[in-house]
Amino acid sequence: MGEGNGFNTNPELNKLLEAIASTAIGAQVLAHRCSDESYNGGKLLLRSDLDVITATLELHIKQLNGIYASGILRHPRAIIVSRPGAGSSREDMRFYVKDLFSRLKIGDLKMRTRALAALNGILQEDEKYVKILVVEMVDGVSILASLLEAGDESIKEEALQAVSVIAGFESYRGALVIAGVIVPLIQILEQGSALAKERAAQALKKLTQNSDNAWSVSAQGGVTTLLKICSDDASSGGLICSACGILKSLSSVDEIKRFMVEEGAVSVFVKLLRSKEEVFQIQAMEFLATIACEDDTIKEKVVREGVVESLVNVLNPNSHYSSKAREVALRAIDAFCFSSPSSMNSLTATGFLGRILFFLRNGDISIQESALKVASRLCGLSEETKKAMGDAGFMTELVKLLDAGSFEVRGLAAEAICGMVSVQRNRRRFIQQDQNVNRILQLLDPEEKWVTKKFLLSALMSLIGSRSGRKKIMASEYVKHLEKLAEANVADARKLVKKLHGNRFRSMLARIWSS
């Protein structure tokens, strides 16, 4: 067993040889005892002991055959065989994967590391290899799972990469969970190297996209571990982002969400929101908005922590924030404030409306559209909010957006106008601007396909309630569009035309009687 034979460079082979030697000694002892006619235990025990020795020897032979077939005895430092080229047969691909796994089973540290690196290469490049590993290899996934608990950090890191790739396929996540990857993944988050932690978090983030796996992570202490990562200043950016994503997925289960809150999740993410890194702030805003959705208790807790002021600061036009951060802040403000009158009052006092108006006028397309969505939502709230928006000058900008190139933007602008003119003060202001009524009627052209007419008709229904509104409508050259819609049996158009003609008839009668 000298070094020239390369045996002692392979720990698995050394271990097997030691086991064979031990079995041989046991067989020799048994042989001596068999020659003694007074075998202690009788013939039944003798037969049993012989069967055990025979089975053990057969197992050793099988293990030796496996090692010999791998080629290690002949080429102890052999490189991994070349991967099949493009267009190779399924059989060649399967043979290559089996070869890699035979080296993972019986190879030394260097050979295992190289085999895992090669495995990761094929898994990332061709989905067929993933299917062969998971579906056609009997023990492929379980071997990878066992390597997550390997003593060597490089083996663990490579195995984590393979697990993460497999976890990217929804249909194979169940196989990973059954193989038992959850426990070692969480243990690695607690004690692994920096790279191992990031890869473990990436794998868990993919696994928890299936809500069925949420309980498995939570039951193993995953929530507490992930919150520690998010609150630890030493955690890397990639690790924190993945941890936030996992927690967001876990929060879809109400019981786990409540446990998170009990464990201090709100305070952890409020701290993250106030960090200097925008990527962390975005993660924090998204998480807090997710857990507060449809839960008034959590909303109140978040608002008490002073989050709204931080969110409004993100909307400061003079700040350095990206459009994405501002879009996320707007969605978060919607989640926290719009369902509560007291929160809305506090929000209005921060100058929030002025910032929304600024982005309607000056924002790029994405932030402008987000601001418009918020404005449209605000128009569905209280009368006081609509009055404040009218006083701030929202209607002028909303009318301009009726000419936007996006159908969605036009529809949102029309919906917001419809909400705002339901308030008398805004109605008067809207009618006083000469082109407003004209523009709405112009957009009712039956040939015009790029605007939602139902909100414009609803707005006209509010405007027609005032005398000045009716006069503007009747005087417009585009009233014919309304009449055409009525002739086409559009219900709201017919109601409007009926009201206009009814008022015209009454006016004629009034003039006759007065003469």
Protein backbone atom coordinates (compact mmCIF):
# COMPACT_ATOMS: atom_id res chain seq x y z
CA MET A 1 0.00 0.00 0.00
CA GLY A 2 2.80 2.42 -0.81
CA GLU A 3 2.49 5.87 -2.26
CA GLY A 4 3.69 4.55 -5.62
CA ASN A 5 0.36 2.76 -5.99
CA GLY A 6 -1.54 5.91 -5.09
CA PHE A 7 -3.72 4.07 -2.55
CA ASN A 8 -3.19 6.31 0.43
CA THR A 9 -4.18 9.37 -1.66
CA ASN A 10 -7.76 8.08 -1.67
CA PRO A 11 -9.47 8.11 1.74
CA GLU A 12 -12.44 6.05 0.58
CA LEU A 13 -10.18 3.26 -0.67
CA ASN A 14 -8.12 3.32 2.53
CA LYS A 15 -11.27 3.09 4.59
CA LEU A 16 -12.53 0.14 2.55
CA LEU A 17 -9.21 -1.70 2.81
CA GLU A 18 -9.23 -1.26 6.58
CA ALA A 19 -12.76 -2.69 6.70
CA ILE A 20 -11.69 -5.68 4.56
CA ALA A 21 -8.75 -6.34 6.87
CA SER A 22 -11.05 -6.23 9.89
CA THR A 23 -13.50 -8.62 8.20
CA ALA A 24 -10.62 -11.00 7.35
CA ILE A 25 -9.52 -11.08 10.98
CA GLY A 26 -13.10 -11.78 12.02
CA ALA A 27 -13.30 -14.62 9.46
CA GLN A 28 -10.06 -16.10 10.75
CA VAL A 29 -11.35 -16.06 14.34
CA LEU A 30 -14.58 -17.67 13.20
CA ALA A 31 -12.66 -20.39 11.33
CA HIS A 32 -10.73 -21.30 14.49
CA ARG A 33 -13.95 -21.45 16.47
CA CYS A 34 -15.58 -23.69 13.84
CA SER A 35 -12.85 -26.28 14.39
CA ASP A 36 -13.87 -26.42 18.01
CA GLU A 37 -16.72 -28.91 18.31
CA SER A 38 -17.98 -27.12 21.39
CA TYR A 39 -18.87 -23.93 19.44
CA ASN A 40 -20.47 -21.65 22.03
CA GLY A 41 -24.04 -21.06 20.94
CA GLY A 42 -24.63 -24.15 18.87
CA LYS A 43 -25.11 -24.75 15.16
CA LEU A 44 -27.78 -22.07 14.71
CA LEU A 45 -25.49 -19.32 15.96
CA LEU A 46 -22.63 -20.72 13.86
CA ARG A 47 -24.80 -20.58 10.73
CA SER A 48 -25.83 -17.02 11.58
CA ASP A 49 -22.23 -15.87 12.08
CA LEU A 50 -21.17 -17.48 8.80
CA ASP A 51 -24.01 -15.70 6.97
CA VAL A 52 -22.91 -12.35 8.40
CA ILE A 53 -19.30 -12.89 7.30
CA THR A 54 -20.41 -14.01 3.83
CA ALA A 55 -22.68 -10.98 3.35
CA THR A 56 -19.94 -8.62 4.53
CA LEU A 57 -17.42 -10.11 2.12
CA GLU A 58 -19.92 -9.82 -0.76
CA LEU A 59 -20.44 -6.15 0.09
CA HIS A 60 -16.68 -5.56 0.09
CA ILE A 61 -16.40 -7.19 -3.33
CA LYS A 62 -19.18 -4.98 -4.67
CA GLN A 63 -17.48 -1.86 -3.29
CA LEU A 64 -14.12 -2.89 -4.77
CA ASN A 65 -15.77 -3.45 -8.15
CA GLY A 66 -17.21 0.06 -8.00
CA ILE A 67 -13.83 1.58 -7.23
CA TYR A 68 -12.15 -0.44 -9.98
CA ALA A 69 -14.82 0.56 -12.51
CA SER A 70 -14.20 4.23 -11.72
CA GLY A 71 -10.63 3.90 -13.01
CA ILE A 72 -9.03 5.30 -9.86
CA LEU A 73 -6.85 2.21 -9.32
CA ARG A 74 -5.41 2.43 -12.81
CA HIS A 75 -5.26 6.26 -13.03
CA PRO A 76 -5.24 7.72 -9.52
CA ARG A 77 -4.74 11.25 -10.83
CA ALA A 78 -6.92 10.94 -13.94
CA ILE A 79 -8.77 14.04 -15.12
CA ILE A 80 -12.54 14.02 -15.41
CA VAL A 81 -13.70 12.74 -18.78
CA SER A 82 -14.68 15.32 -21.37
CA ARG A 83 -18.29 16.37 -21.30
CA PRO A 84 -20.42 15.32 -24.27
CA GLY A 85 -20.55 17.85 -27.10
CA ALA A 86 -23.58 19.54 -28.55
CA GLY A 87 -26.09 17.10 -29.99
CA SER A 88 -24.82 14.17 -27.92
CA SER A 89 -27.18 11.32 -27.21
CA ARG A 90 -29.12 11.06 -23.98
CA GLU A 91 -27.14 7.94 -23.13
CA ASP A 92 -23.81 9.80 -23.44
CA MET A 93 -25.11 12.59 -21.21
CA ARG A 94 -26.35 10.09 -18.64
CA PHE A 95 -23.01 8.25 -18.67
CA TYR A 96 -21.17 11.53 -18.06
CA VAL A 97 -23.36 12.41 -15.07
CA LYS A 98 -22.92 8.90 -13.60
CA ASP A 99 -19.17 9.19 -14.04
CA LEU A 100 -19.14 12.49 -12.14
CA PHE A 101 -21.16 10.98 -9.31
CA SER A 102 -18.93 7.92 -9.06
CA ARG A 103 -16.04 10.32 -8.48
CA LEU A 104 -18.10 12.20 -5.88
CA LYS A 105 -18.69 8.93 -4.04
CA ILE A 106 -15.17 7.50 -3.98
CA GLY A 107 -12.80 10.25 -5.11
CA ASP A 108 -10.38 12.20 -2.93
CA LEU A 109 -10.91 15.85 -2.04
CA LYS A 110 -9.37 17.22 -5.23
CA MET A 111 -11.33 14.82 -7.44
CA ARG A 112 -14.61 15.61 -5.68
CA THR A 113 -14.06 19.34 -6.03
CA ARG A 114 -13.31 19.02 -9.75
CA ALA A 115 -16.28 16.71 -10.26
CA LEU A 116 -18.62 19.20 -8.56
CA ALA A 117 -17.22 22.08 -10.62
CA ALA A 118 -17.85 20.09 -13.81
CA LEU A 119 -21.34 19.18 -12.58
CA ASN A 120 -22.19 22.82 -11.94
CA GLY A 121 -21.00 23.69 -15.42
CA ILE A 122 -23.38 21.29 -17.14
CA LEU A 123 -26.33 22.00 -14.82
CA GLN A 124 -26.14 25.72 -15.57
CA GLU A 125 -25.73 25.27 -19.31
CA ASP A 126 -28.27 22.56 -20.15
CA GLU A 127 -31.56 21.79 -18.41
CA LYS A 128 -31.41 18.19 -19.68
CA TYR A 129 -28.60 17.46 -17.24
CA VAL A 130 -30.75 18.72 -14.36
CA LYS A 131 -33.50 16.29 -15.33
CA ILE A 132 -31.02 13.39 -15.62
CA LEU A 133 -29.66 14.15 -12.15
CA VAL A 134 -33.02 14.56 -10.41
CA VAL A 135 -35.22 12.08 -12.27
CA GLU A 136 -32.92 9.41 -13.67
CA MET A 137 -30.20 9.21 -11.00
CA VAL A 138 -31.53 7.17 -8.07
CA ASP A 139 -29.36 8.83 -5.44
CA GLY A 140 -28.22 12.00 -7.22
CA VAL A 141 -30.11 14.56 -5.12
CA SER A 142 -29.45 12.72 -1.83
CA ILE A 143 -25.69 12.71 -2.54
CA LEU A 144 -25.76 16.47 -3.13
CA ALA A 145 -27.75 16.94 0.08
CA SER A 146 -25.16 14.93 2.03
CA LEU A 147 -22.34 17.05 0.60
CA LEU A 148 -23.95 20.15 2.18
CA GLU A 149 -22.69 18.73 5.47
CA ALA A 150 -19.19 17.99 4.20
CA GLY A 151 -16.31 19.10 6.38
CA ASP A 152 -14.46 20.81 3.55
CA GLU A 153 -15.76 24.29 2.78
CA SER A 154 -14.94 24.16 -0.96
CA ILE A 155 -16.97 20.94 -1.38
CA LYS A 156 -19.85 22.55 0.49
CA GLU A 157 -19.75 25.70 -1.65
CA GLU A 158 -19.78 23.73 -4.91
CA ALA A 159 -22.62 21.49 -3.68
CA LEU A 160 -24.59 24.60 -2.71
CA GLN A 161 -24.23 25.95 -6.23
CA ALA A 162 -25.66 22.73 -7.67
CA VAL A 163 -28.55 22.72 -5.21
CA SER A 164 -29.32 26.35 -6.05
CA VAL A 165 -29.45 25.58 -9.78
CA ILE A 166 -31.85 22.66 -9.20
CA ALA A 167 -33.99 24.79 -6.88
CA GLY A 168 -34.54 27.15 -9.80
CA PHE A 169 -36.85 24.53 -11.34
CA GLU A 170 -40.23 24.46 -9.61
CA SER A 171 -40.89 20.82 -10.48
CA TYR A 172 -37.67 19.67 -8.77
CA ARG A 173 -37.93 21.61 -5.51
CA GLY A 174 -39.89 18.84 -3.86
CA ALA A 175 -37.08 16.35 -4.51
CA LEU A 176 -34.60 18.65 -2.76
CA VAL A 177 -36.84 19.06 0.27
CA ILE A 178 -37.44 15.28 0.49
CA ALA A 179 -33.67 14.73 0.32
CA GLY A 180 -33.35 16.92 3.42
CA VAL A 181 -31.60 20.07 2.18
CA ILE A 182 -33.52 22.52 4.38
CA VAL A 183 -31.73 21.75 7.65
CA PRO A 184 -28.15 22.00 6.33
CA LEU A 185 -29.02 25.14 4.34
CA ILE A 186 -30.16 26.90 7.52
CA GLN A 187 -27.12 25.60 9.41
CA ILE A 188 -24.87 27.04 6.70
CA LEU A 189 -26.64 30.42 7.03
CA GLU A 190 -25.62 30.35 10.69
CA GLN A 191 -22.07 29.02 10.45
CA GLY A 192 -20.85 28.81 6.84
CA SER A 193 -18.30 30.85 4.93
CA ALA A 194 -19.40 34.13 3.35
CA LEU A 195 -19.78 32.49 -0.08
CA ALA A 196 -21.55 29.44 1.36
CA LYS A 197 -24.04 31.68 3.20
CA GLU A 198 -24.87 33.59 0.03
CA ARG A 199 -25.38 30.41 -1.97
CA ALA A 200 -27.47 28.81 0.78
CA ALA A 201 -29.66 31.92 0.89
CA GLN A 202 -30.06 31.88 -2.90
CA ALA A 203 -31.16 28.24 -2.77
CA LEU A 204 -33.64 28.90 0.05
CA LYS A 205 -35.02 31.93 -1.77
CA LYS A 206 -35.89 29.71 -4.73
CA LEU A 207 -37.23 26.88 -2.57
CA THR A 208 -39.55 29.19 -0.62
CA GLN A 209 -41.18 30.44 -3.80
CA ASN A 210 -43.29 27.33 -3.21
CA SER A 211 -45.39 28.23 -0.18
CA ASP A 212 -45.52 24.53 0.76
CA ASN A 213 -41.88 24.79 1.82
CA ALA A 214 -42.44 27.77 4.13
CA TRP A 215 -43.27 25.64 7.14
CA SER A 216 -40.16 23.48 6.64
CA VAL A 217 -37.94 26.57 6.83
CA SER A 218 -39.80 28.11 9.77
CA ALA A 219 -39.83 24.84 11.74
CA GLN A 220 -36.03 24.67 11.60
CA GLY A 221 -35.55 28.15 13.07
CA GLY A 222 -35.17 29.80 9.68
CA VAL A 223 -37.12 32.96 10.55
CA THR A 224 -34.91 33.82 13.52
CA THR A 225 -31.74 33.10 11.54
CA LEU A 226 -32.86 35.26 8.61
CA LEU A 227 -33.84 38.19 10.85
CA LYS A 228 -30.38 38.03 12.46
CA ILE A 229 -28.80 38.26 9.03
CA CYS A 230 -30.89 41.33 8.15
CA SER A 231 -29.96 43.07 11.40
CA ASP A 232 -26.24 42.22 11.25
CA ASP A 233 -24.14 45.06 9.84
CA ALA A 234 -21.48 42.52 8.86
CA SER A 235 -23.81 40.67 6.46
CA SER A 236 -23.03 41.13 2.77
CA GLY A 237 -25.42 42.95 0.46
CA GLY A 238 -26.24 39.84 -1.55
CA LEU A 239 -26.95 37.84 1.61
CA ILE A 240 -29.26 40.50 3.03
CA CYS A 241 -31.19 40.82 -0.24
CA SER A 242 -31.71 37.06 -0.45
CA ALA A 243 -32.73 36.89 3.23
CA CYS A 244 -35.29 39.65 2.63
CA GLY A 245 -36.69 37.74 -0.32
CA ILE A 246 -37.02 34.55 1.73
CA LEU A 247 -38.77 36.35 4.58
CA LYS A 248 -41.14 38.01 2.11
CA SER A 249 -42.07 34.58 0.73
CA LEU A 250 -42.50 33.11 4.21
CA SER A 251 -44.80 35.97 5.20
CA SER A 252 -47.45 34.64 2.80
CA VAL A 253 -48.34 32.22 5.63
CA ASP A 254 -50.28 34.22 8.23
CA GLU A 255 -49.02 32.23 11.22
CA ILE A 256 -45.40 32.69 10.15
CA LYS A 257 -46.00 36.40 9.47
CA ARG A 258 -47.33 36.87 13.00
CA PHE A 259 -44.30 35.03 14.38
CA MET A 260 -42.00 37.35 12.41
CA VAL A 261 -43.67 40.38 13.94
CA GLU A 262 -43.34 38.86 17.42
CA GLU A 263 -39.63 38.28 16.71
CA GLY A 264 -39.16 41.99 15.94
CA ALA A 265 -39.31 41.97 12.14
CA VAL A 266 -40.83 45.48 11.96
CA SER A 267 -37.97 47.05 13.95
CA VAL A 268 -35.36 45.12 11.93
CA PHE A 269 -36.75 46.36 8.61
CA VAL A 270 -37.35 49.92 9.79
CA LYS A 271 -33.64 50.00 10.66
CA LEU A 272 -32.85 48.60 7.22
CA LEU A 273 -35.06 51.26 5.62
CA ARG A 274 -32.96 53.96 7.29
CA SER A 275 -29.65 52.51 6.12
CA LYS A 276 -27.55 54.34 3.52
CA GLU A 277 -27.77 51.61 0.88
CA GLU A 278 -30.67 52.10 -1.53
CA VAL A 279 -30.84 48.39 -2.35
CA PHE A 280 -31.52 47.63 1.34
CA GLN A 281 -34.08 50.43 1.55
CA ILE A 282 -35.97 48.99 -1.42
CA GLN A 283 -35.96 45.51 0.16
CA ALA A 284 -37.21 46.96 3.45
CA MET A 285 -40.01 48.95 1.80
CA GLU A 286 -41.19 45.93 -0.17
CA PHE A 287 -41.14 43.65 2.88
CA LEU A 288 -42.96 46.07 5.17
CA ALA A 289 -45.60 46.73 2.51
CA THR A 290 -46.07 42.98 2.04
CA ILE A 291 -46.60 42.14 5.71
CA ALA A 292 -48.84 45.19 6.25
CA CYS A 293 -51.16 44.25 3.39
CA GLU A 294 -54.67 43.63 4.72
CA ASP A 295 -53.46 43.70 8.34
CA ASP A 296 -54.43 46.91 10.13
CA THR A 297 -52.55 45.97 13.32
CA ILE A 298 -49.24 45.69 11.46
CA LYS A 299 -50.00 48.88 9.49
CA GLU A 300 -50.46 50.80 12.72
CA LYS A 301 -47.26 49.33 14.15
CA VAL A 302 -45.28 50.34 11.05
CA VAL A 303 -46.73 53.87 11.02
CA ARG A 304 -45.91 54.30 14.74
CA GLU A 305 -42.27 53.52 13.92
CA GLY A 306 -42.16 56.68 11.78
CA VAL A 307 -41.88 54.89 8.45
CA VAL A 308 -44.15 57.29 6.54
CA GLU A 309 -41.76 60.22 6.99
CA SER A 310 -38.90 58.08 5.68
CA LEU A 311 -40.95 57.08 2.64
CA VAL A 312 -41.91 60.68 1.84
CA ASN A 313 -38.21 61.61 2.05
CA VAL A 314 -37.54 59.12 -0.73
CA LEU A 315 -39.92 61.18 -2.90
CA ASN A 316 -37.97 64.40 -2.34
CA PRO A 317 -37.17 65.62 -5.90
CA ASN A 318 -33.80 66.92 -4.70
CA SER A 319 -32.72 63.56 -3.29
CA HIS A 320 -30.48 61.04 -5.05
CA TYR A 321 -33.01 58.18 -5.17
CA SER A 322 -33.65 56.17 -8.34
CA SER A 323 -37.02 55.93 -10.05
CA LYS A 324 -37.33 52.33 -8.82
CA ALA A 325 -36.89 53.36 -5.18
CA ARG A 326 -39.53 56.07 -5.60
CA GLU A 327 -41.96 53.68 -7.26
CA VAL A 328 -41.55 51.23 -4.36
CA ALA A 329 -42.00 54.07 -1.85
CA LEU A 330 -45.27 55.09 -3.53
CA ARG A 331 -46.60 51.53 -3.34
CA ALA A 332 -45.59 51.30 0.30
CA ILE A 333 -47.31 54.59 1.17
CA ASP A 334 -50.46 53.27 -0.50
CA ALA A 335 -50.24 50.10 1.64
CA PHE A 336 -49.71 51.95 4.93
CA CYS A 337 -51.81 55.10 4.68
CA PHE A 338 -54.68 55.03 2.21
CA SER A 339 -57.02 52.88 4.30
CA SER A 340 -56.75 55.05 7.41
CA PRO A 341 -58.16 58.63 7.64
CA SER A 342 -55.74 59.53 10.45
CA SER A 343 -52.77 58.24 8.44
CA MET A 344 -53.98 60.17 5.41
CA ASN A 345 -54.14 63.38 7.44
CA SER A 346 -50.57 62.81 8.66
CA LEU A 347 -49.46 62.03 5.12
CA THR A 348 -51.03 65.18 3.66
CA ALA A 349 -49.28 67.26 6.34
CA THR A 350 -45.86 66.04 5.08
CA GLY A 351 -46.29 67.73 1.69
CA PHE A 352 -46.99 64.41 -0.01
CA LEU A 353 -49.47 65.85 -2.53
CA GLY A 354 -46.93 68.36 -3.75
CA ARG A 355 -44.44 65.59 -4.44
CA ILE A 356 -46.97 63.55 -6.37
CA LEU A 357 -47.84 66.60 -8.45
CA PHE A 358 -44.15 67.23 -9.13
CA PHE A 359 -43.67 63.75 -10.60
CA LEU A 360 -46.84 64.07 -12.68
CA ARG A 361 -45.30 67.17 -14.25
CA ASN A 362 -41.62 66.27 -14.38
CA GLY A 363 -41.06 62.57 -13.77
CA ASP A 364 -39.77 60.08 -16.31
CA ILE A 365 -42.36 57.68 -17.75
CA SER A 366 -42.12 54.99 -15.04
CA ILE A 367 -42.29 57.32 -12.02
CA GLN A 368 -44.95 59.48 -13.73
CA GLU A 369 -47.13 56.42 -14.21
CA SER A 370 -46.61 55.35 -10.58
CA ALA A 371 -47.51 58.87 -9.38
CA LEU A 372 -50.62 58.79 -11.57
CA LYS A 373 -51.71 55.47 -10.06
CA VAL A 374 -51.41 57.00 -6.61
CA ALA A 375 -53.32 60.12 -7.72
CA SER A 376 -56.08 57.92 -9.11
CA ARG A 377 -56.23 55.99 -5.81
CA LEU A 378 -56.37 59.25 -3.85
CA CYS A 379 -59.36 60.37 -5.92
CA GLY A 380 -61.28 57.39 -4.61
CA LEU A 381 -60.77 58.42 -0.98
CA SER A 382 -62.32 61.22 1.04
CA GLU A 383 -63.88 64.45 -0.24
CA GLU A 384 -61.30 66.42 1.73
CA THR A 385 -58.47 64.70 -0.14
CA LYS A 386 -60.10 65.51 -3.49
CA LYS A 387 -60.53 69.15 -2.48
CA ALA A 388 -56.86 69.35 -1.47
CA MET A 389 -55.83 67.88 -4.81
CA GLY A 390 -58.01 70.35 -6.69
CA ASP A 391 -56.53 73.27 -4.74
CA ALA A 392 -53.00 71.98 -5.50
CA GLY A 393 -53.61 72.03 -9.26
CA PHE A 394 -53.93 68.33 -10.07
CA MET A 395 -56.73 68.68 -12.63
CA THR A 396 -54.66 70.68 -15.11
CA GLU A 397 -51.99 67.95 -15.16
CA LEU A 398 -54.57 65.17 -15.38
CA VAL A 399 -56.20 66.74 -18.44
CA LYS A 400 -52.77 66.94 -20.12
CA LEU A 401 -52.25 63.23 -19.46
CA LEU A 402 -55.40 62.42 -21.45
CA ASP A 403 -53.15 62.95 -24.47
CA ALA A 404 -50.45 60.54 -23.28
CA GLY A 405 -49.26 57.80 -25.61
CA SER A 406 -50.05 55.02 -23.13
CA PHE A 407 -53.58 53.66 -23.01
CA GLU A 408 -53.16 52.85 -19.32
CA VAL A 409 -52.04 56.39 -18.50
CA ARG A 410 -55.02 57.86 -20.36
CA GLY A 411 -57.38 55.54 -18.51
CA LEU A 412 -55.90 56.39 -15.09
CA ALA A 413 -56.07 60.13 -15.86
CA ALA A 414 -59.72 59.81 -16.92
CA GLU A 415 -60.54 57.85 -13.76
CA ALA A 416 -58.84 60.46 -11.57
CA ILE A 417 -60.68 63.33 -13.29
CA CYS A 418 -63.96 61.48 -12.80
CA GLY A 419 -63.28 61.24 -9.07
CA MET A 420 -62.18 64.85 -8.68
CA VAL A 421 -65.15 66.49 -10.46
CA SER A 422 -67.54 64.69 -8.13
CA VAL A 423 -66.68 67.49 -5.66
CA GLN A 424 -68.47 70.79 -6.33
CA ARG A 425 -65.43 73.02 -5.76
CA ASN A 426 -63.39 71.03 -8.28
CA ARG A 427 -66.31 70.97 -10.71
CA ARG A 428 -66.47 74.75 -10.83
CA ARG A 429 -62.70 75.00 -11.30
CA PHE A 430 -62.76 72.41 -14.07
CA ILE A 431 -65.56 74.14 -16.00
CA GLN A 432 -63.87 77.56 -15.70
CA GLN A 433 -60.92 76.33 -17.77
CA ASP A 434 -62.37 76.61 -21.27
CA GLN A 435 -60.66 73.67 -22.97
CA ASN A 436 -61.38 71.02 -20.32
CA VAL A 437 -64.97 70.19 -21.31
CA ASN A 438 -64.05 70.47 -24.99
CA ARG A 439 -61.20 67.96 -24.58
CA ILE A 440 -63.39 65.39 -22.87
CA LEU A 441 -66.04 65.62 -25.59
CA GLN A 442 -63.37 65.44 -28.27
CA LEU A 443 -62.07 62.15 -26.78
CA LEU A 444 -65.59 60.67 -26.96
CA ASP A 445 -65.18 60.35 -30.73
CA PRO A 446 -66.39 56.80 -31.50
CA GLU A 447 -63.32 56.42 -33.72
CA GLU A 448 -61.01 57.22 -30.81
CA LYS A 449 -59.73 53.88 -29.47
CA TRP A 450 -57.08 55.05 -27.03
CA VAL A 451 -59.07 56.19 -24.03
CA THR A 452 -61.49 54.67 -21.55
CA LYS A 453 -64.78 56.38 -22.33
CA LYS A 454 -66.74 55.19 -19.29
CA PHE A 455 -64.83 57.49 -16.91
CA LEU A 456 -65.17 60.46 -19.27
CA LEU A 457 -68.92 59.86 -19.50
CA SER A 458 -69.10 59.64 -15.70
CA ALA A 459 -67.22 62.93 -15.43
CA LEU A 460 -69.71 64.55 -17.83
CA MET A 461 -72.53 63.18 -15.70
CA SER A 462 -71.14 65.22 -12.79
CA LEU A 463 -70.55 68.31 -14.93
CA ILE A 464 -74.04 68.30 -16.43
CA GLY A 465 -75.47 68.78 -12.95
CA SER A 466 -74.48 72.45 -13.04
CA ARG A 467 -75.92 75.09 -15.36
CA SER A 468 -72.51 76.31 -16.49
CA GLY A 469 -71.46 72.74 -17.18
CA ARG A 470 -74.49 72.12 -19.38
CA LYS A 471 -73.88 75.32 -21.30
CA LYS A 472 -70.26 74.39 -21.99
CA ILE A 473 -71.29 70.94 -23.20
CA MET A 474 -74.06 72.26 -25.47
CA ALA A 475 -71.78 74.96 -26.90
CA SER A 476 -68.99 72.54 -27.80
CA GLU A 477 -68.52 71.56 -31.44
CA TYR A 478 -67.73 68.04 -30.17
CA VAL A 479 -71.12 67.41 -28.54
CA LYS A 480 -71.85 65.45 -31.72
CA HIS A 481 -69.51 62.72 -30.45
CA LEU A 482 -71.72 62.30 -27.41
CA GLU A 483 -74.79 62.10 -29.64
CA LYS A 484 -73.14 59.45 -31.84
CA LEU A 485 -72.42 57.32 -28.79
CA ALA A 486 -76.06 57.69 -27.73
CA GLU A 487 -77.19 56.58 -31.20
CA ALA A 488 -74.89 53.55 -30.76
CA ASN A 489 -76.87 52.66 -27.60
CA VAL A 490 -74.10 53.48 -25.09
CA ALA A 491 -76.18 53.69 -21.91
CA ASP A 492 -74.40 56.60 -20.15
CA ALA A 493 -74.29 58.62 -23.39
CA ARG A 494 -78.03 58.14 -23.86
CA LYS A 495 -78.68 59.36 -20.29
CA LEU A 496 -76.54 62.44 -20.88
CA VAL A 497 -78.22 63.31 -24.18
CA LYS A 498 -81.64 62.83 -22.60
CA LYS A 499 -80.73 65.22 -19.78
CA LEU A 500 -79.33 67.78 -22.21
CA HIS A 501 -82.41 67.70 -24.44
CA GLY A 502 -84.75 67.72 -21.44
CA ASN A 503 -83.07 70.82 -20.06
CA ARG A 504 -83.12 72.46 -23.48
CA PHE A 505 -86.90 71.85 -23.75
CA ARG A 506 -87.48 73.28 -20.28
CA SER A 507 -85.41 76.33 -21.18
CA MET A 508 -87.52 76.88 -24.32
CA LEU A 509 -90.73 76.66 -22.26
CA ALA A 510 -89.35 79.08 -19.70
CA ARG A 511 -88.55 81.61 -22.43
CA ILE A 512 -92.09 81.22 -23.93
CA TRP A 513 -93.82 81.72 -20.59
CA SER A 514 -91.65 84.69 -19.68
CA SER A 515 -92.57 86.43 -22.98
